[in-house]
Amino acid sequence: MGKRIVIALGGNALGNNLPEQMVAVKHTAKAIVDLIQEGHQVVVAHGNGPQVGMINIAMTTLSREDHSHPIAPMSVCTAMSQGYIGYDLQNSLREELLNRGIQKPVATVLTQVEVDPADPAFQNPSKPIGTFMTEEEAEEMRRRGNCVMEDAGRGWRRCVASPKPKAIVEIETIRTLMEAGQVVIGCGGGGIPVYRTEGNHLKGAGAVIDKDFASELLAESLDADALIILTAVEKVAINFGKPDQKWLDHLTPEEARQYEAEGQFAPGSMLPKVQAAVKFAASKPGRTALITLLEKAKDGIAGKTGTAVSM
C-alpha cells in the first residue's frame, strides 16, 4: 500500500540561478518519480531562498532605474518565484513520468499561506534570502537599510521576517487535485505570506515563510503519512563537524527537543528542519518525518537511510 507523502525540496534540489535550476530539476524529478513509481501519492513543496532574493533585487533595481515601476512587495516576489520554479519543476516531472510510461498529470498551485500580522518574527528578521555575500558586501547592504545575517558558516545573506504559517488558503484545491491522482506542487517558497484584513481581503506580508514549516502544515492538512525534508546531508548529526560527531538513524520528538535545547542544530540550517519534523511526527500516531538527501529519498522511505523522526 502506497503512502501519502509530502516532499519538501531544499535549495540544493533547485540550484542557485536559472541555468543551475534547469539542470537541477531534471535530477530532482528522477528522485520524485522513483517514489511515484513505487505507488506513493506525492505532493511537492519547495524553498525559494536564492530565487526570491534574486527577483527582489531585480525588481528593486528596476524601480531605481525607472520610477514608474514601484518596488515589488516580498509577497509578489514569492508569487513570481512560485511560478517560474513550478514551471521548470512540473515540466521536468511530466517528462520523467512520461519517459517511464506513467500517465499522471502534474500541476503547480499558486499558494497563499496565512500568517499572523502580530507574529513577533516581524520584529526580528531571521530568514536568509538571496545569494551569499562577503562580509564587506554585507556591510554595504546594511548601510542601505537591509538586515543581514551570517548563514550557518557559509557566508552573509540578506534576511527578512519569517512568521509561522497558520493556514493554507488553497488547501482544498491541492487536496482535490491530489485525490484525483495528480502530482501537485504547492506552498512554493513556503507560500505567499498573507494576512486577513477587513472582510474577506487577504493582504500580502513583507516576509518569507520557512518552507519546512509550511511543508509540515501542508502534510498535516493533507493527512499525510510521511513528510520528507530533503537537505544537503544524508542524516542529522549531533556534535556536527566535531571529532565526536554522531549521525542519527532515528529520533523521537522528546530526543530531538533535548538536542535542540543543547544547541545541537544550527539556526537557519538544520534547526527548522528538525523542528518541522518533530511537529509532524508528534501530530498524530503513525506519522513519520524523514530528513535525508534527495537521491536517498526512496531508500529513506524504505527505512534504509536518513534520520527518521517518529513517536
C-alpha atoms as a PDB file:
ATOM      1  CA  MET A   1       0.000   0.000   0.000  1.00  0.00           C
ATOM      2  CA  GLY A   2       1.498   3.320  -1.069  1.00  0.00           C
ATOM      3  CA  LYS A   3       1.909   6.188   1.361  1.00  0.00           C
ATOM      4  CA  ARG A   4       0.718   9.761   1.101  1.00  0.00           C
ATOM      5  CA  ILE A   5       3.936  11.784   1.137  1.00  0.00           C
ATOM      6  CA  VAL A   6       4.737  15.491   1.205  1.00  0.00           C
ATOM      7  CA  ILE A   7       8.254  16.248  -0.047  1.00  0.00           C
ATOM      8  CA  ALA A   8       9.983  19.482   0.976  1.00  0.00           C
ATOM      9  CA  LEU A   9      12.718  20.295  -1.537  1.00  0.00           C
ATOM     10  CA  GLY A  10      15.707  22.305  -0.331  1.00  0.00           C
ATOM     11  CA  GLY A  11      17.811  24.740  -2.330  1.00  0.00           C
ATOM     12  CA  ASN A  12      20.243  22.008  -3.416  1.00  0.00           C
ATOM     13  CA  ALA A  13      17.373  20.429  -5.364  1.00  0.00           C
ATOM     14  CA  LEU A  14      16.775  23.627  -7.345  1.00  0.00           C
ATOM     15  CA  GLY A  15      20.149  25.325  -7.859  1.00  0.00           C
ATOM     16  CA  ASN A  16      21.047  28.950  -7.163  1.00  0.00           C
ATOM     17  CA  ASN A  17      20.149  30.555 -10.502  1.00  0.00           C
ATOM     18  CA  LEU A  18      18.117  29.852 -13.632  1.00  0.00           C
ATOM     19  CA  PRO A  19      20.740  27.803 -15.562  1.00  0.00           C
ATOM     20  CA  GLU A  20      21.521  25.722 -12.450  1.00  0.00           C
ATOM     21  CA  GLN A  21      17.807  25.237 -11.794  1.00  0.00           C
ATOM     22  CA  MET A  22      17.124  23.912 -15.287  1.00  0.00           C
ATOM     23  CA  VAL A  23      19.769  21.219 -14.725  1.00  0.00           C
ATOM     24  CA  ALA A  24      18.906  20.514 -11.077  1.00  0.00           C
ATOM     25  CA  VAL A  25      15.175  19.937 -11.598  1.00  0.00           C
ATOM     26  CA  LYS A  26      15.853  17.082 -14.034  1.00  0.00           C
ATOM     27  CA  HIS A  27      17.847  15.283 -11.336  1.00  0.00           C
ATOM     28  CA  THR A  28      15.202  16.179  -8.749  1.00  0.00           C
ATOM     29  CA  ALA A  29      12.387  14.861 -10.941  1.00  0.00           C
ATOM     30  CA  LYS A  30      14.026  11.423 -11.171  1.00  0.00           C
ATOM     31  CA  ALA A  31      14.118  11.073  -7.371  1.00  0.00           C
ATOM     32  CA  ILE A  32      10.484  12.178  -7.002  1.00  0.00           C
ATOM     33  CA  VAL A  33       9.236   9.904  -9.786  1.00  0.00           C
ATOM     34  CA  ASP A  34      11.078   6.997  -8.136  1.00  0.00           C
ATOM     35  CA  LEU A  35       8.635   7.400  -5.231  1.00  0.00           C
ATOM     36  CA  ILE A  36       5.613   7.785  -7.510  1.00  0.00           C
ATOM     37  CA  GLN A  37       6.642   4.628  -9.366  1.00  0.00           C
ATOM     38  CA  GLU A  38       6.682   2.798  -6.026  1.00  0.00           C
ATOM     39  CA  GLY A  39       2.974   3.590  -5.711  1.00  0.00           C
ATOM     40  CA  HIS A  40       3.176   6.568  -3.350  1.00  0.00           C
ATOM     41  CA  GLN A  41       0.909   9.612  -3.570  1.00  0.00           C
ATOM     42  CA  VAL A  42       3.205  12.640  -3.726  1.00  0.00           C
ATOM     43  CA  VAL A  43       2.757  16.367  -3.129  1.00  0.00           C
ATOM     44  CA  VAL A  44       5.815  18.574  -3.588  1.00  0.00           C
ATOM     45  CA  ALA A  45       6.737  21.774  -1.752  1.00  0.00           C
ATOM     46  CA  HIS A  46       9.969  23.703  -2.231  1.00  0.00           C
ATOM     47  CA  GLY A  47      12.122  26.534  -0.990  1.00  0.00           C
ATOM     48  CA  ASN A  48      12.956  29.708  -2.903  1.00  0.00           C
ATOM     49  CA  GLY A  49      15.724  31.418  -0.901  1.00  0.00           C
ATOM     50  CA  PRO A  50      18.105  32.221  -3.782  1.00  0.00           C
ATOM     51  CA  GLN A  51      15.294  32.761  -6.287  1.00  0.00           C
ATOM     52  CA  VAL A  52      13.136  35.170  -4.293  1.00  0.00           C
ATOM     53  CA  GLY A  53      16.243  37.156  -3.343  1.00  0.00           C
ATOM     54  CA  MET A  54      17.258  37.401  -6.999  1.00  0.00           C
ATOM     55  CA  ILE A  55      13.762  38.526  -8.015  1.00  0.00           C
ATOM     56  CA  ASN A  56      13.627  41.083  -5.196  1.00  0.00           C
ATOM     57  CA  ILE A  57      16.994  42.556  -6.215  1.00  0.00           C
ATOM     58  CA  ALA A  58      15.958  42.667  -9.887  1.00  0.00           C
ATOM     59  CA  MET A  59      12.660  44.390  -9.137  1.00  0.00           C
ATOM     60  CA  THR A  60      14.325  46.857  -6.763  1.00  0.00           C
ATOM     61  CA  THR A  61      16.951  47.686  -9.394  1.00  0.00           C
ATOM     62  CA  LEU A  62      14.209  48.225 -11.982  1.00  0.00           C
ATOM     63  CA  SER A  63      12.349  50.608  -9.662  1.00  0.00           C
ATOM     64  CA  ARG A  64      15.519  52.659  -9.147  1.00  0.00           C
ATOM     65  CA  GLU A  65      16.154  52.943 -12.878  1.00  0.00           C
ATOM     66  CA  ASP A  66      12.529  53.544 -13.868  1.00  0.00           C
ATOM     67  CA  HIS A  67      10.479  55.278 -11.186  1.00  0.00           C
ATOM     68  CA  SER A  68       7.227  54.331 -12.939  1.00  0.00           C
ATOM     69  CA  HIS A  69       7.812  50.807 -11.561  1.00  0.00           C
ATOM     70  CA  PRO A  70       7.260  50.687  -7.766  1.00  0.00           C
ATOM     71  CA  ILE A  71       9.298  48.250  -5.664  1.00  0.00           C
ATOM     72  CA  ALA A  72       7.620  44.841  -5.752  1.00  0.00           C
ATOM     73  CA  PRO A  73       6.484  43.643  -2.300  1.00  0.00           C
ATOM     74  CA  MET A  74       8.110  40.477  -0.970  1.00  0.00           C
ATOM     75  CA  SER A  75       4.763  38.655  -1.300  1.00  0.00           C
ATOM     76  CA  VAL A  76       4.715  39.447  -5.041  1.00  0.00           C
ATOM     77  CA  CYS A  77       8.332  38.281  -5.398  1.00  0.00           C
ATOM     78  CA  THR A  78       7.359  34.985  -3.749  1.00  0.00           C
ATOM     79  CA  ALA A  79       4.461  34.608  -6.190  1.00  0.00           C
ATOM     80  CA  MET A  80       6.858  35.166  -9.096  1.00  0.00           C
ATOM     81  CA  SER A  81       9.263  32.568  -7.707  1.00  0.00           C
ATOM     82  CA  GLN A  82       6.434  30.035  -7.309  1.00  0.00           C
ATOM     83  CA  GLY A  83       5.550  30.498 -10.964  1.00  0.00           C
ATOM     84  CA  TYR A  84       8.958  30.090 -12.514  1.00  0.00           C
ATOM     85  CA  ILE A  85      10.178  27.322 -10.195  1.00  0.00           C
ATOM     86  CA  GLY A  86       6.866  25.484 -10.662  1.00  0.00           C
ATOM     87  CA  TYR A  87       7.157  25.859 -14.442  1.00  0.00           C
ATOM     88  CA  ASP A  88      10.548  24.129 -14.540  1.00  0.00           C
ATOM     89  CA  LEU A  89       9.690  21.539 -11.901  1.00  0.00           C
ATOM     90  CA  GLN A  90       6.326  20.456 -13.301  1.00  0.00           C
ATOM     91  CA  ASN A  91       7.703  20.125 -16.832  1.00  0.00           C
ATOM     92  CA  SER A  92      10.622  18.011 -15.606  1.00  0.00           C
ATOM     93  CA  LEU A  93       8.273  15.803 -13.571  1.00  0.00           C
ATOM     94  CA  ARG A  94       5.884  15.420 -16.500  1.00  0.00           C
ATOM     95  CA  GLU A  95       8.727  14.466 -18.841  1.00  0.00           C
ATOM     96  CA  GLU A  96      10.179  11.925 -16.394  1.00  0.00           C
ATOM     97  CA  LEU A  97       6.752  10.378 -15.754  1.00  0.00           C
ATOM     98  CA  LEU A  98       6.047  10.006 -19.465  1.00  0.00           C
ATOM     99  CA  ASN A  99       9.531   8.589 -20.089  1.00  0.00           C
ATOM    100  CA  ARG A 100       8.599   5.798 -17.662  1.00  0.00           C
ATOM    101  CA  GLY A 101       5.182   5.248 -19.209  1.00  0.00           C
ATOM    102  CA  ILE A 102       3.303   6.833 -16.295  1.00  0.00           C
ATOM    103  CA  GLN A 103       0.260   8.866 -17.342  1.00  0.00           C
ATOM    104  CA  LYS A 104      -0.141  11.223 -14.389  1.00  0.00           C
ATOM    105  CA  PRO A 105      -0.889  14.975 -14.669  1.00  0.00           C
ATOM    106  CA  VAL A 106       1.307  17.489 -12.809  1.00  0.00           C
ATOM    107  CA  ALA A 107       0.082  20.901 -11.661  1.00  0.00           C
ATOM    108  CA  THR A 108       1.543  23.847  -9.796  1.00  0.00           C
ATOM    109  CA  VAL A 109      -0.871  25.644  -7.458  1.00  0.00           C
ATOM    110  CA  LEU A 110      -0.110  29.274  -6.706  1.00  0.00           C
ATOM    111  CA  THR A 111      -0.427  29.024  -2.935  1.00  0.00           C
ATOM    112  CA  GLN A 112      -1.147  31.665  -0.302  1.00  0.00           C
ATOM    113  CA  VAL A 113      -0.366  30.907   3.332  1.00  0.00           C
ATOM    114  CA  GLU A 114      -1.909  32.869   6.173  1.00  0.00           C
ATOM    115  CA  VAL A 115       0.324  34.378   8.846  1.00  0.00           C
ATOM    116  CA  ASP A 116      -0.406  36.436  11.956  1.00  0.00           C
ATOM    117  CA  PRO A 117       0.483  40.141  11.467  1.00  0.00           C
ATOM    118  CA  ALA A 118       1.252  40.233  15.216  1.00  0.00           C
ATOM    119  CA  ASP A 119       3.802  37.399  14.901  1.00  0.00           C
ATOM    120  CA  PRO A 120       6.950  38.523  16.799  1.00  0.00           C
ATOM    121  CA  ALA A 121       9.026  37.409  13.790  1.00  0.00           C
ATOM    122  CA  PHE A 122       8.166  40.704  12.115  1.00  0.00           C
ATOM    123  CA  GLN A 123      10.216  42.459  14.810  1.00  0.00           C
ATOM    124  CA  ASN A 124      13.173  40.103  14.378  1.00  0.00           C
ATOM    125  CA  PRO A 125      14.050  39.321  10.717  1.00  0.00           C
ATOM    126  CA  SER A 126      15.798  35.948  10.615  1.00  0.00           C
ATOM    127  CA  LYS A 127      15.128  34.233   7.270  1.00  0.00           C
ATOM    128  CA  PRO A 128      18.085  34.359   4.839  1.00  0.00           C
ATOM    129  CA  ILE A 129      17.265  35.024   1.183  1.00  0.00           C
ATOM    130  CA  GLY A 130      19.280  35.737  -1.954  1.00  0.00           C
ATOM    131  CA  THR A 131      22.875  34.951  -2.798  1.00  0.00           C
ATOM    132  CA  PHE A 132      25.775  34.670  -0.357  1.00  0.00           C
ATOM    133  CA  MET A 133      27.903  37.781   0.212  1.00  0.00           C
ATOM    134  CA  THR A 134      31.291  38.603   1.664  1.00  0.00           C
ATOM    135  CA  GLU A 135      31.351  40.499   4.951  1.00  0.00           C
ATOM    136  CA  GLU A 136      32.209  43.692   3.047  1.00  0.00           C
ATOM    137  CA  GLU A 137      29.226  43.255   0.724  1.00  0.00           C
ATOM    138  CA  ALA A 138      27.033  42.545   3.729  1.00  0.00           C
ATOM    139  CA  GLU A 139      28.177  45.763   5.400  1.00  0.00           C
ATOM    140  CA  GLU A 140      27.210  47.708   2.281  1.00  0.00           C
ATOM    141  CA  MET A 141      23.803  46.004   2.326  1.00  0.00           C
ATOM    142  CA  ARG A 142      23.409  47.110   5.970  1.00  0.00           C
ATOM    143  CA  ARG A 143      24.226  50.692   5.033  1.00  0.00           C
ATOM    144  CA  ARG A 144      21.349  50.584   2.561  1.00  0.00           C
ATOM    145  CA  GLY A 145      18.996  49.758   5.425  1.00  0.00           C
ATOM    146  CA  ASN A 146      18.683  45.992   4.909  1.00  0.00           C
ATOM    147  CA  CYS A 147      19.022  43.355   7.592  1.00  0.00           C
ATOM    148  CA  VAL A 148      21.811  40.812   7.002  1.00  0.00           C
ATOM    149  CA  MET A 149      22.925  37.699   8.842  1.00  0.00           C
ATOM    150  CA  GLU A 150      25.705  35.131   8.778  1.00  0.00           C
ATOM    151  CA  ASP A 151      24.163  31.915   7.448  1.00  0.00           C
ATOM    152  CA  ALA A 152      25.447  28.700   9.090  1.00  0.00           C
ATOM    153  CA  GLY A 153      29.124  29.417   8.365  1.00  0.00           C
ATOM    154  CA  ARG A 154      28.555  29.700   4.606  1.00  0.00           C
ATOM    155  CA  GLY A 155      28.646  33.481   4.210  1.00  0.00           C
ATOM    156  CA  TRP A 156      26.397  36.503   4.666  1.00  0.00           C
ATOM    157  CA  ARG A 157      22.881  36.909   3.261  1.00  0.00           C
ATOM    158  CA  ARG A 158      20.068  39.409   3.407  1.00  0.00           C
ATOM    159  CA  CYS A 159      17.351  38.366   5.865  1.00  0.00           C
ATOM    160  CA  VAL A 160      13.663  39.125   6.210  1.00  0.00           C
ATOM    161  CA  ALA A 161      10.921  38.264   8.691  1.00  0.00           C
ATOM    162  CA  SER A 162       9.871  34.611   8.838  1.00  0.00           C
ATOM    163  CA  PRO A 163       6.464  34.280  10.561  1.00  0.00           C
ATOM    164  CA  LYS A 164       4.963  30.873  11.290  1.00  0.00           C
ATOM    165  CA  PRO A 165       2.283  29.600   8.872  1.00  0.00           C
ATOM    166  CA  LYS A 166      -1.273  29.422  10.234  1.00  0.00           C
ATOM    167  CA  ALA A 167      -3.392  28.115   7.355  1.00  0.00           C
ATOM    168  CA  ILE A 168      -3.058  27.258   3.669  1.00  0.00           C
ATOM    169  CA  VAL A 169      -5.611  29.225   1.671  1.00  0.00           C
ATOM    170  CA  GLU A 170      -5.686  26.892  -1.360  1.00  0.00           C
ATOM    171  CA  ILE A 171      -5.587  23.640   0.642  1.00  0.00           C
ATOM    172  CA  GLU A 172      -8.905  22.356  -0.783  1.00  0.00           C
ATOM    173  CA  THR A 173      -7.615  22.843  -4.339  1.00  0.00           C
ATOM    174  CA  ILE A 174      -4.417  20.953  -3.539  1.00  0.00           C
ATOM    175  CA  ARG A 175      -6.348  18.165  -1.814  1.00  0.00           C
ATOM    176  CA  THR A 176      -8.819  17.803  -4.707  1.00  0.00           C
ATOM    177  CA  LEU A 177      -6.016  17.531  -7.283  1.00  0.00           C
ATOM    178  CA  MET A 178      -4.111  15.051  -5.124  1.00  0.00           C
ATOM    179  CA  GLU A 179      -7.178  12.853  -4.590  1.00  0.00           C
ATOM    180  CA  ALA A 180      -7.782  12.927  -8.351  1.00  0.00           C
ATOM    181  CA  GLY A 181      -4.403  11.239  -8.788  1.00  0.00           C
ATOM    182  CA  GLN A 182      -2.405  14.269  -9.868  1.00  0.00           C
ATOM    183  CA  VAL A 183       1.072  15.259  -8.726  1.00  0.00           C
ATOM    184  CA  VAL A 184       0.764  18.671  -7.071  1.00  0.00           C
ATOM    185  CA  ILE A 185       3.419  21.315  -6.479  1.00  0.00           C
ATOM    186  CA  GLY A 186       2.236  23.684  -3.762  1.00  0.00           C
ATOM    187  CA  CYS A 187       3.376  26.037  -0.992  1.00  0.00           C
ATOM    188  CA  GLY A 188       6.361  27.071  -3.114  1.00  0.00           C
ATOM    189  CA  GLY A 189       8.864  29.124  -1.145  1.00  0.00           C
ATOM    190  CA  GLY A 190       6.792  28.493   1.987  1.00  0.00           C
ATOM    191  CA  GLY A 191       3.750  30.019   0.321  1.00  0.00           C
ATOM    192  CA  ILE A 192       2.852  33.635  -0.422  1.00  0.00           C
ATOM    193  CA  PRO A 193       2.544  35.189   3.066  1.00  0.00           C
ATOM    194  CA  VAL A 194      -0.821  36.893   3.545  1.00  0.00           C
ATOM    195  CA  TYR A 195      -2.999  38.030   6.426  1.00  0.00           C
ATOM    196  CA  ARG A 196      -6.674  38.874   6.714  1.00  0.00           C
ATOM    197  CA  THR A 197      -7.777  42.492   6.913  1.00  0.00           C
ATOM    198  CA  GLU A 198     -11.346  43.811   6.900  1.00  0.00           C
ATOM    199  CA  GLY A 199     -13.917  41.496   5.393  1.00  0.00           C
ATOM    200  CA  ASN A 200     -12.500  38.740   3.197  1.00  0.00           C
ATOM    201  CA  HIS A 201      -9.479  40.616   1.873  1.00  0.00           C
ATOM    202  CA  LEU A 202      -6.045  38.946   2.014  1.00  0.00           C
ATOM    203  CA  LYS A 203      -3.092  41.345   2.136  1.00  0.00           C
ATOM    204  CA  GLY A 204       0.472  40.323   1.259  1.00  0.00           C
ATOM    205  CA  ALA A 205       3.001  40.432   4.095  1.00  0.00           C
ATOM    206  CA  GLY A 206       6.612  41.604   3.781  1.00  0.00           C
ATOM    207  CA  ALA A 207       8.096  38.272   4.783  1.00  0.00           C
ATOM    208  CA  VAL A 208       9.157  34.802   3.663  1.00  0.00           C
ATOM    209  CA  ILE A 209       7.723  31.715   5.367  1.00  0.00           C
ATOM    210  CA  ASP A 210      10.172  28.911   6.099  1.00  0.00           C
ATOM    211  CA  LYS A 211       9.434  26.143   3.604  1.00  0.00           C
ATOM    212  CA  ASP A 212       9.975  23.405   6.200  1.00  0.00           C
ATOM    213  CA  PHE A 213       7.231  24.758   8.470  1.00  0.00           C
ATOM    214  CA  ALA A 214       4.905  25.369   5.518  1.00  0.00           C
ATOM    215  CA  SER A 215       5.560  21.830   4.263  1.00  0.00           C
ATOM    216  CA  GLU A 216       4.781  20.460   7.728  1.00  0.00           C
ATOM    217  CA  LEU A 217       1.471  22.331   7.786  1.00  0.00           C
ATOM    218  CA  LEU A 218       0.738  21.059   4.271  1.00  0.00           C
ATOM    219  CA  ALA A 219       1.473  17.478   5.349  1.00  0.00           C
ATOM    220  CA  GLU A 220      -0.794  17.774   8.404  1.00  0.00           C
ATOM    221  CA  SER A 221      -3.566  19.421   6.388  1.00  0.00           C
ATOM    222  CA  LEU A 222      -3.489  16.616   3.791  1.00  0.00           C
ATOM    223  CA  ASP A 223      -3.355  13.911   6.491  1.00  0.00           C
ATOM    224  CA  ALA A 224      -0.087  12.634   5.014  1.00  0.00           C
ATOM    225  CA  ASP A 225       1.647   9.507   6.286  1.00  0.00           C
ATOM    226  CA  ALA A 226       5.126  10.913   5.794  1.00  0.00           C
ATOM    227  CA  LEU A 227       6.942  14.217   5.458  1.00  0.00           C
ATOM    228  CA  ILE A 228      10.292  14.050   3.674  1.00  0.00           C
ATOM    229  CA  ILE A 229      12.558  17.043   4.247  1.00  0.00           C
ATOM    230  CA  LEU A 230      15.393  16.931   1.738  1.00  0.00           C
ATOM    231  CA  THR A 231      18.652  18.637   2.571  1.00  0.00           C
ATOM    232  CA  ALA A 232      22.396  18.564   1.849  1.00  0.00           C
ATOM    233  CA  VAL A 233      23.279  15.710   4.235  1.00  0.00           C
ATOM    234  CA  GLU A 234      22.155  12.083   4.397  1.00  0.00           C
ATOM    235  CA  LYS A 235      21.335  12.173   8.107  1.00  0.00           C
ATOM    236  CA  VAL A 236      21.018  14.554  11.026  1.00  0.00           C
ATOM    237  CA  ALA A 237      24.062  14.664  13.296  1.00  0.00           C
ATOM    238  CA  ILE A 238      24.874  15.797  16.808  1.00  0.00           C
ATOM    239  CA  ASN A 239      28.225  17.449  17.513  1.00  0.00           C
ATOM    240  CA  PHE A 240      28.285  18.252  13.797  1.00  0.00           C
ATOM    241  CA  GLY A 241      31.765  18.924  12.437  1.00  0.00           C
ATOM    242  CA  LYS A 242      33.463  17.864  15.681  1.00  0.00           C
ATOM    243  CA  PRO A 243      35.660  14.796  16.347  1.00  0.00           C
ATOM    244  CA  ASP A 244      32.787  13.133  18.235  1.00  0.00           C
ATOM    245  CA  GLN A 245      30.208  13.795  15.508  1.00  0.00           C
ATOM    246  CA  LYS A 246      27.442  11.187  15.521  1.00  0.00           C
ATOM    247  CA  TRP A 247      24.935  10.505  12.737  1.00  0.00           C
ATOM    248  CA  LEU A 248      21.404   9.697  13.897  1.00  0.00           C
ATOM    249  CA  ASP A 249      19.211   6.997  12.326  1.00  0.00           C
ATOM    250  CA  HIS A 250      16.145   7.709  14.449  1.00  0.00           C
ATOM    251  CA  LEU A 251      14.862  10.397  16.770  1.00  0.00           C
ATOM    252  CA  THR A 252      11.794  10.585  18.954  1.00  0.00           C
ATOM    253  CA  PRO A 253      10.268  14.050  19.375  1.00  0.00           C
ATOM    254  CA  GLU A 254      11.494  14.043  23.000  1.00  0.00           C
ATOM    255  CA  GLU A 255      15.089  13.246  21.998  1.00  0.00           C
ATOM    256  CA  ALA A 256      15.029  15.885  19.280  1.00  0.00           C
ATOM    257  CA  ARG A 257      13.759  18.544  21.701  1.00  0.00           C
ATOM    258  CA  GLN A 258      16.546  17.662  24.152  1.00  0.00           C
ATOM    259  CA  TYR A 259      19.195  18.012  21.444  1.00  0.00           C
ATOM    260  CA  GLU A 260      17.601  21.289  20.378  1.00  0.00           C
ATOM    261  CA  ALA A 261      17.835  22.581  23.971  1.00  0.00           C
ATOM    262  CA  GLU A 262      21.540  21.683  23.911  1.00  0.00           C
ATOM    263  CA  GLY A 263      22.018  23.841  20.790  1.00  0.00           C
ATOM    264  CA  GLN A 264      22.899  20.884  18.555  1.00  0.00           C
ATOM    265  CA  PHE A 265      21.141  22.178  15.434  1.00  0.00           C
ATOM    266  CA  ALA A 266      22.199  25.299  13.547  1.00  0.00           C
ATOM    267  CA  PRO A 267      19.545  28.062  13.268  1.00  0.00           C
ATOM    268  CA  GLY A 268      18.637  28.792   9.654  1.00  0.00           C
ATOM    269  CA  SER A 269      20.012  25.399   8.622  1.00  0.00           C
ATOM    270  CA  MET A 270      19.171  22.107  10.377  1.00  0.00           C
ATOM    271  CA  LEU A 271      17.124  23.570  13.256  1.00  0.00           C
ATOM    272  CA  PRO A 272      13.918  24.412  11.305  1.00  0.00           C
ATOM    273  CA  LYS A 273      14.076  21.025   9.581  1.00  0.00           C
ATOM    274  CA  VAL A 274      14.237  19.184  12.897  1.00  0.00           C
ATOM    275  CA  GLN A 275      11.524  21.395  14.417  1.00  0.00           C
ATOM    276  CA  ALA A 276       9.207  20.791  11.466  1.00  0.00           C
ATOM    277  CA  ALA A 277       9.935  17.042  11.559  1.00  0.00           C
ATOM    278  CA  VAL A 278       9.142  16.898  15.282  1.00  0.00           C
ATOM    279  CA  LYS A 279       5.901  18.836  14.883  1.00  0.00           C
ATOM    280  CA  PHE A 280       4.684  16.481  12.158  1.00  0.00           C
ATOM    281  CA  ALA A 281       5.752  13.270  13.925  1.00  0.00           C
ATOM    282  CA  ALA A 282       4.051  14.381  17.146  1.00  0.00           C
ATOM    283  CA  SER A 283       0.837  15.498  15.421  1.00  0.00           C
ATOM    284  CA  LYS A 284      -0.729  12.035  15.056  1.00  0.00           C
ATOM    285  CA  PRO A 285       0.247   8.430  15.820  1.00  0.00           C
ATOM    286  CA  GLY A 286       1.803   6.628  12.874  1.00  0.00           C
ATOM    287  CA  ARG A 287       3.217   9.712  11.180  1.00  0.00           C
ATOM    288  CA  THR A 288       6.907   9.762  10.292  1.00  0.00           C
ATOM    289  CA  ALA A 289       9.178  12.582   9.178  1.00  0.00           C
ATOM    290  CA  LEU A 290      12.377  11.815   7.304  1.00  0.00           C
ATOM    291  CA  ILE A 291      15.393  14.085   6.849  1.00  0.00           C
ATOM    292  CA  THR A 292      17.835  12.984   4.155  1.00  0.00           C
ATOM    293  CA  LEU A 293      19.465  13.640   0.773  1.00  0.00           C
ATOM    294  CA  LEU A 294      17.382  13.984  -2.375  1.00  0.00           C
ATOM    295  CA  GLU A 295      18.928  10.917  -4.011  1.00  0.00           C
ATOM    296  CA  LYS A 296      18.319   8.870  -0.838  1.00  0.00           C
ATOM    297  CA  ALA A 297      14.585   9.629  -0.561  1.00  0.00           C
ATOM    298  CA  LYS A 298      13.486   6.249  -1.931  1.00  0.00           C
ATOM    299  CA  ASP A 299      15.858   4.344   0.379  1.00  0.00           C
ATOM    300  CA  GLY A 300      14.813   6.561   3.275  1.00  0.00           C
ATOM    301  CA  ILE A 301      11.125   5.725   2.864  1.00  0.00           C
ATOM    302  CA  ALA A 302      12.166   2.059   2.811  1.00  0.00           C
ATOM    303  CA  GLY A 303      13.922   2.576   6.165  1.00  0.00           C
ATOM    304  CA  LYS A 304      17.426   2.092   4.779  1.00  0.00           C
ATOM    305  CA  THR A 305      18.909   5.528   5.459  1.00  0.00           C
ATOM    306  CA  GLY A 306      18.171   9.083   6.574  1.00  0.00           C
ATOM    307  CA  THR A 307      17.060  10.253  10.002  1.00  0.00           C
ATOM    308  CA  ALA A 308      13.503   9.154  10.795  1.00  0.00           C
ATOM    309  CA  VAL A 309      11.566  11.143  13.397  1.00  0.00           C
ATOM    310  CA  SER A 310       8.605   9.300  14.879  1.00  0.00           C
ATOM    311  CA  MET A 311       6.884   8.579  18.214  1.00  0.00           C
END
